[in-house]
Amino acid sequence: MDDKKYRRLVQTSVTCFLYHGDDYLFLKRNLSKRIDPGRLNGIGGRVEPRENYLDAAIRETKEETGYQVSVDDIRLSGVVKLDGGYSEDWVMCFFKIMVPSKKIPIGTMTDEDGELLWLHKSEILESEYELVDDLNYCMQDIVNEKELFFITAQVDKHQKIISASVSKLSV
């Protein structure tokens, strides 16, 4: 076995899809950002050393929006692994998190990342906004909550998915 093919720098992160009723909160990244500039994504960030994915989801939600959520508000939606395209590979847990209102505690503008905005579930895939590519493969599953998804995708230098494998598990 050639162990070199397994020696890759991997970042671990969480992506959280906060919702109230049928509306979902997205972050529109600043154009100046290195990762996914101008695109919509969920709320999230890297998992810190000695932190698990669930704790990271709670922490990132508080840091990026001001919402204080608990484990009872959170559902795992799936796991995404991205290879290539970025300076490192990514393994991300996607969570769906219920929040008590659409009033974002910190407001709609973040200090450094961009603008927070609500979209109705029927508008997410059809809006004028560009989503990060992996959401095109899993957003319906996040909204519907009927299956956990597991995605492995290869990404090009423009951070676009060039091939993907999707597996699902009924819940």
C-alpha atoms as a PDB file:
ATOM      1  CA  MET A   1       0.000   0.000   0.000  1.00  0.00           C
ATOM      2  CA  ASP A   2       1.306   3.461  -0.919  1.00  0.00           C
ATOM      3  CA  ASP A   3       0.789   5.659   2.144  1.00  0.00           C
ATOM      4  CA  LYS A   4       1.802   8.813   0.227  1.00  0.00           C
ATOM      5  CA  LYS A   5      -1.609   9.048  -1.420  1.00  0.00           C
ATOM      6  CA  TYR A   6      -3.156   9.380   2.057  1.00  0.00           C
ATOM      7  CA  ARG A   7      -0.828  12.163   3.219  1.00  0.00           C
ATOM      8  CA  ARG A   8      -2.755  15.278   2.405  1.00  0.00           C
ATOM      9  CA  LEU A   9      -3.434  18.408   4.410  1.00  0.00           C
ATOM     10  CA  VAL A  10      -7.101  18.289   5.461  1.00  0.00           C
ATOM     11  CA  GLN A  11      -9.184  21.045   7.013  1.00  0.00           C
ATOM     12  CA  THR A  12     -12.227  20.117   9.082  1.00  0.00           C
ATOM     13  CA  SER A  13     -15.164  22.482   9.229  1.00  0.00           C
ATOM     14  CA  VAL A  14     -18.871  22.888   9.843  1.00  0.00           C
ATOM     15  CA  THR A  15     -21.512  24.492   7.654  1.00  0.00           C
ATOM     16  CA  CYS A  16     -24.729  25.386   9.459  1.00  0.00           C
ATOM     17  CA  PHE A  17     -28.056  26.133   7.822  1.00  0.00           C
ATOM     18  CA  LEU A  18     -30.014  28.219  10.283  1.00  0.00           C
ATOM     19  CA  TYR A  19     -33.731  28.301   9.637  1.00  0.00           C
ATOM     20  CA  HIS A  20     -36.896  29.846  10.989  1.00  0.00           C
ATOM     21  CA  GLY A  21     -40.071  28.432   9.482  1.00  0.00           C
ATOM     22  CA  ASP A  22     -39.380  28.051   5.744  1.00  0.00           C
ATOM     23  CA  ASP A  23     -36.601  30.666   5.599  1.00  0.00           C
ATOM     24  CA  TYR A  24     -32.886  29.888   5.667  1.00  0.00           C
ATOM     25  CA  LEU A  25     -30.006  32.163   6.623  1.00  0.00           C
ATOM     26  CA  PHE A  26     -27.046  32.467   4.259  1.00  0.00           C
ATOM     27  CA  LEU A  27     -23.756  34.310   4.274  1.00  0.00           C
ATOM     28  CA  LYS A  28     -22.914  36.149   1.062  1.00  0.00           C
ATOM     29  CA  ARG A  29     -19.125  36.180   1.098  1.00  0.00           C
ATOM     30  CA  ASN A  30     -17.249  39.435   0.471  1.00  0.00           C
ATOM     31  CA  LEU A  31     -15.670  39.589  -2.977  1.00  0.00           C
ATOM     32  CA  SER A  32     -12.306  40.129  -1.302  1.00  0.00           C
ATOM     33  CA  LYS A  33     -12.387  36.713   0.410  1.00  0.00           C
ATOM     34  CA  ARG A  34      -9.992  34.006  -0.796  1.00  0.00           C
ATOM     35  CA  ILE A  35     -12.542  31.200  -0.416  1.00  0.00           C
ATOM     36  CA  ASP A  36     -15.817  31.343  -2.370  1.00  0.00           C
ATOM     37  CA  PRO A  37     -15.886  35.124  -3.024  1.00  0.00           C
ATOM     38  CA  GLY A  38     -19.354  36.523  -3.807  1.00  0.00           C
ATOM     39  CA  ARG A  39     -21.083  33.188  -3.268  1.00  0.00           C
ATOM     40  CA  LEU A  40     -23.755  32.169  -0.766  1.00  0.00           C
ATOM     41  CA  ASN A  41     -23.014  29.562   1.863  1.00  0.00           C
ATOM     42  CA  GLY A  42     -24.290  28.520   5.242  1.00  0.00           C
ATOM     43  CA  ILE A  43     -22.815  29.780   8.497  1.00  0.00           C
ATOM     44  CA  GLY A  44     -19.704  28.075   9.742  1.00  0.00           C
ATOM     45  CA  GLY A  45     -15.997  27.685   9.902  1.00  0.00           C
ATOM     46  CA  ARG A  46     -13.140  25.448  10.909  1.00  0.00           C
ATOM     47  CA  VAL A  47     -13.239  22.947  13.718  1.00  0.00           C
ATOM     48  CA  GLU A  48     -10.700  24.052  16.309  1.00  0.00           C
ATOM     49  CA  PRO A  49      -8.109  21.688  17.816  1.00  0.00           C
ATOM     50  CA  ARG A  50      -9.663  19.363  20.452  1.00  0.00           C
ATOM     51  CA  GLU A  51     -13.174  20.442  19.375  1.00  0.00           C
ATOM     52  CA  ASN A  52     -15.795  18.128  17.863  1.00  0.00           C
ATOM     53  CA  TYR A  53     -18.076  19.006  14.943  1.00  0.00           C
ATOM     54  CA  LEU A  54     -21.188  19.560  17.078  1.00  0.00           C
ATOM     55  CA  ASP A  55     -19.420  21.925  19.493  1.00  0.00           C
ATOM     56  CA  ALA A  56     -17.945  23.756  16.493  1.00  0.00           C
ATOM     57  CA  ALA A  57     -21.439  24.214  15.013  1.00  0.00           C
ATOM     58  CA  ILE A  58     -22.724  25.747  18.256  1.00  0.00           C
ATOM     59  CA  ARG A  59     -19.664  28.007  18.594  1.00  0.00           C
ATOM     60  CA  GLU A  60     -19.651  29.151  14.944  1.00  0.00           C
ATOM     61  CA  THR A  61     -23.383  29.918  15.055  1.00  0.00           C
ATOM     62  CA  LYS A  62     -22.868  32.152  18.105  1.00  0.00           C
ATOM     63  CA  GLU A  63     -19.738  33.839  16.707  1.00  0.00           C
ATOM     64  CA  GLU A  64     -21.122  34.540  13.238  1.00  0.00           C
ATOM     65  CA  THR A  65     -24.753  35.401  14.045  1.00  0.00           C
ATOM     66  CA  GLY A  66     -25.135  35.894  17.788  1.00  0.00           C
ATOM     67  CA  TYR A  67     -27.768  33.152  18.030  1.00  0.00           C
ATOM     68  CA  GLN A  68     -27.293  30.937  21.104  1.00  0.00           C
ATOM     69  CA  VAL A  69     -28.396  27.425  20.087  1.00  0.00           C
ATOM     70  CA  SER A  70     -28.429  24.107  21.908  1.00  0.00           C
ATOM     71  CA  VAL A  71     -28.059  20.494  20.853  1.00  0.00           C
ATOM     72  CA  ASP A  72     -31.877  20.179  20.792  1.00  0.00           C
ATOM     73  CA  ASP A  73     -32.022  22.769  17.959  1.00  0.00           C
ATOM     74  CA  ILE A  74     -29.567  20.894  15.713  1.00  0.00           C
ATOM     75  CA  ARG A  75     -29.886  18.065  13.187  1.00  0.00           C
ATOM     76  CA  LEU A  76     -27.036  16.507  11.208  1.00  0.00           C
ATOM     77  CA  SER A  77     -27.738  16.797   7.478  1.00  0.00           C
ATOM     78  CA  GLY A  78     -24.640  15.204   5.983  1.00  0.00           C
ATOM     79  CA  VAL A  79     -20.906  15.070   5.423  1.00  0.00           C
ATOM     80  CA  VAL A  80     -19.039  16.576   2.471  1.00  0.00           C
ATOM     81  CA  LYS A  81     -15.443  15.842   1.442  1.00  0.00           C
ATOM     82  CA  LEU A  82     -13.822  18.140  -1.135  1.00  0.00           C
ATOM     83  CA  ASP A  83     -10.558  17.174  -2.842  1.00  0.00           C
ATOM     84  CA  GLY A  84      -8.431  19.612  -4.869  1.00  0.00           C
ATOM     85  CA  GLY A  85      -9.161  23.183  -5.911  1.00  0.00           C
ATOM     86  CA  TYR A  86      -8.283  24.680  -2.557  1.00  0.00           C
ATOM     87  CA  SER A  87      -4.851  24.719  -0.925  1.00  0.00           C
ATOM     88  CA  GLU A  88      -6.025  21.795   1.238  1.00  0.00           C
ATOM     89  CA  ASP A  89      -8.781  19.202   1.151  1.00  0.00           C
ATOM     90  CA  TRP A  90     -11.904  19.719   3.296  1.00  0.00           C
ATOM     91  CA  VAL A  91     -14.113  17.442   5.383  1.00  0.00           C
ATOM     92  CA  MET A  92     -17.271  19.268   6.453  1.00  0.00           C
ATOM     93  CA  CYS A  93     -20.274  18.332   8.549  1.00  0.00           C
ATOM     94  CA  PHE A  94     -23.476  20.090   7.477  1.00  0.00           C
ATOM     95  CA  PHE A  95     -26.064  20.872  10.141  1.00  0.00           C
ATOM     96  CA  LYS A  96     -29.613  22.237  10.070  1.00  0.00           C
ATOM     97  CA  ILE A  97     -30.265  24.495  13.070  1.00  0.00           C
ATOM     98  CA  MET A  98     -33.606  25.950  14.169  1.00  0.00           C
ATOM     99  CA  VAL A  99     -33.477  29.527  15.501  1.00  0.00           C
ATOM    100  CA  PRO A 100     -36.247  31.349  17.423  1.00  0.00           C
ATOM    101  CA  SER A 101     -36.665  34.311  15.051  1.00  0.00           C
ATOM    102  CA  LYS A 102     -35.397  35.925  11.864  1.00  0.00           C
ATOM    103  CA  LYS A 103     -33.988  38.831  13.848  1.00  0.00           C
ATOM    104  CA  ILE A 104     -30.242  38.193  13.630  1.00  0.00           C
ATOM    105  CA  PRO A 105     -28.689  39.188  16.980  1.00  0.00           C
ATOM    106  CA  ILE A 106     -25.567  40.756  15.404  1.00  0.00           C
ATOM    107  CA  GLY A 107     -27.414  42.343  12.470  1.00  0.00           C
ATOM    108  CA  THR A 108     -27.026  41.575   8.772  1.00  0.00           C
ATOM    109  CA  MET A 109     -23.425  42.697   8.229  1.00  0.00           C
ATOM    110  CA  THR A 110     -20.525  40.677   9.620  1.00  0.00           C
ATOM    111  CA  ASP A 111     -17.219  42.241  10.595  1.00  0.00           C
ATOM    112  CA  GLU A 112     -15.137  40.526   7.957  1.00  0.00           C
ATOM    113  CA  ASP A 113     -16.990  37.820   6.037  1.00  0.00           C
ATOM    114  CA  GLY A 114     -19.913  39.520   4.298  1.00  0.00           C
ATOM    115  CA  GLU A 115     -23.675  39.951   4.484  1.00  0.00           C
ATOM    116  CA  LEU A 116     -26.237  37.703   6.173  1.00  0.00           C
ATOM    117  CA  LEU A 117     -29.533  37.252   4.313  1.00  0.00           C
ATOM    118  CA  TRP A 118     -32.665  35.140   4.571  1.00  0.00           C
ATOM    119  CA  LEU A 119     -34.053  33.168   1.622  1.00  0.00           C
ATOM    120  CA  HIS A 120     -37.297  31.210   1.461  1.00  0.00           C
ATOM    121  CA  LYS A 121     -36.652  27.507   0.850  1.00  0.00           C
ATOM    122  CA  SER A 122     -38.313  27.725  -2.586  1.00  0.00           C
ATOM    123  CA  GLU A 123     -35.906  30.504  -3.666  1.00  0.00           C
ATOM    124  CA  ILE A 124     -32.578  28.994  -2.621  1.00  0.00           C
ATOM    125  CA  LEU A 125     -31.761  27.101  -5.798  1.00  0.00           C
ATOM    126  CA  GLU A 126     -33.542  29.619  -8.044  1.00  0.00           C
ATOM    127  CA  SER A 127     -32.298  32.962  -6.669  1.00  0.00           C
ATOM    128  CA  GLU A 128     -30.031  35.415  -8.475  1.00  0.00           C
ATOM    129  CA  TYR A 129     -27.278  34.548  -6.006  1.00  0.00           C
ATOM    130  CA  GLU A 130     -24.563  32.033  -6.815  1.00  0.00           C
ATOM    131  CA  LEU A 131     -24.322  29.235  -4.267  1.00  0.00           C
ATOM    132  CA  VAL A 132     -21.113  27.473  -3.365  1.00  0.00           C
ATOM    133  CA  ASP A 133     -21.094  24.430  -5.632  1.00  0.00           C
ATOM    134  CA  ASP A 134     -21.649  21.702  -3.037  1.00  0.00           C
ATOM    135  CA  LEU A 135     -25.042  23.185  -2.089  1.00  0.00           C
ATOM    136  CA  ASN A 136     -26.375  22.321  -5.546  1.00  0.00           C
ATOM    137  CA  TYR A 137     -25.897  18.661  -4.586  1.00  0.00           C
ATOM    138  CA  CYS A 138     -27.442  18.715  -1.116  1.00  0.00           C
ATOM    139  CA  MET A 139     -29.672  21.737  -0.395  1.00  0.00           C
ATOM    140  CA  GLN A 140     -32.894  19.839  -1.115  1.00  0.00           C
ATOM    141  CA  ASP A 141     -31.807  17.136   1.331  1.00  0.00           C
ATOM    142  CA  ILE A 142     -31.064  19.753   3.986  1.00  0.00           C
ATOM    143  CA  VAL A 143     -34.522  21.302   3.587  1.00  0.00           C
ATOM    144  CA  ASN A 144     -36.395  17.977   3.356  1.00  0.00           C
ATOM    145  CA  GLU A 145     -34.584  16.188   6.248  1.00  0.00           C
ATOM    146  CA  LYS A 146     -35.478  12.749   4.882  1.00  0.00           C
ATOM    147  CA  GLU A 147     -31.957  11.499   4.159  1.00  0.00           C
ATOM    148  CA  LEU A 148     -28.432  12.040   5.393  1.00  0.00           C
ATOM    149  CA  PHE A 149     -26.082  12.727   2.500  1.00  0.00           C
ATOM    150  CA  PHE A 150     -22.447  11.825   2.037  1.00  0.00           C
ATOM    151  CA  ILE A 151     -20.669  13.630  -0.773  1.00  0.00           C
ATOM    152  CA  THR A 152     -17.154  13.290  -2.105  1.00  0.00           C
ATOM    153  CA  ALA A 153     -16.279  15.794  -4.823  1.00  0.00           C
ATOM    154  CA  GLN A 154     -13.285  16.842  -6.865  1.00  0.00           C
ATOM    155  CA  VAL A 155     -12.908  20.616  -7.192  1.00  0.00           C
ATOM    156  CA  ASP A 156     -11.029  22.572  -9.882  1.00  0.00           C
ATOM    157  CA  LYS A 157      -8.810  25.636  -9.402  1.00  0.00           C
ATOM    158  CA  HIS A 158     -11.892  27.897  -9.645  1.00  0.00           C
ATOM    159  CA  GLN A 159     -13.441  26.090  -6.648  1.00  0.00           C
ATOM    160  CA  LYS A 160     -16.066  24.462  -8.864  1.00  0.00           C
ATOM    161  CA  ILE A 161     -17.032  20.795  -8.596  1.00  0.00           C
ATOM    162  CA  ILE A 162     -15.892  18.779 -11.614  1.00  0.00           C
ATOM    163  CA  SER A 163     -17.092  15.381 -10.383  1.00  0.00           C
ATOM    164  CA  ALA A 164     -19.019  14.137  -7.392  1.00  0.00           C
ATOM    165  CA  SER A 165     -20.228  10.977  -5.737  1.00  0.00           C
ATOM    166  CA  VAL A 166     -23.354  11.206  -3.579  1.00  0.00           C
ATOM    167  CA  SER A 167     -24.658   8.521  -1.236  1.00  0.00           C
ATOM    168  CA  LYS A 168     -27.743   8.831   0.962  1.00  0.00           C
ATOM    169  CA  LEU A 169     -29.005   7.159   4.092  1.00  0.00           C
ATOM    170  CA  SER A 170     -32.692   7.303   5.065  1.00  0.00           C
ATOM    171  CA  VAL A 171     -33.428   8.755   8.492  1.00  0.00           C
END
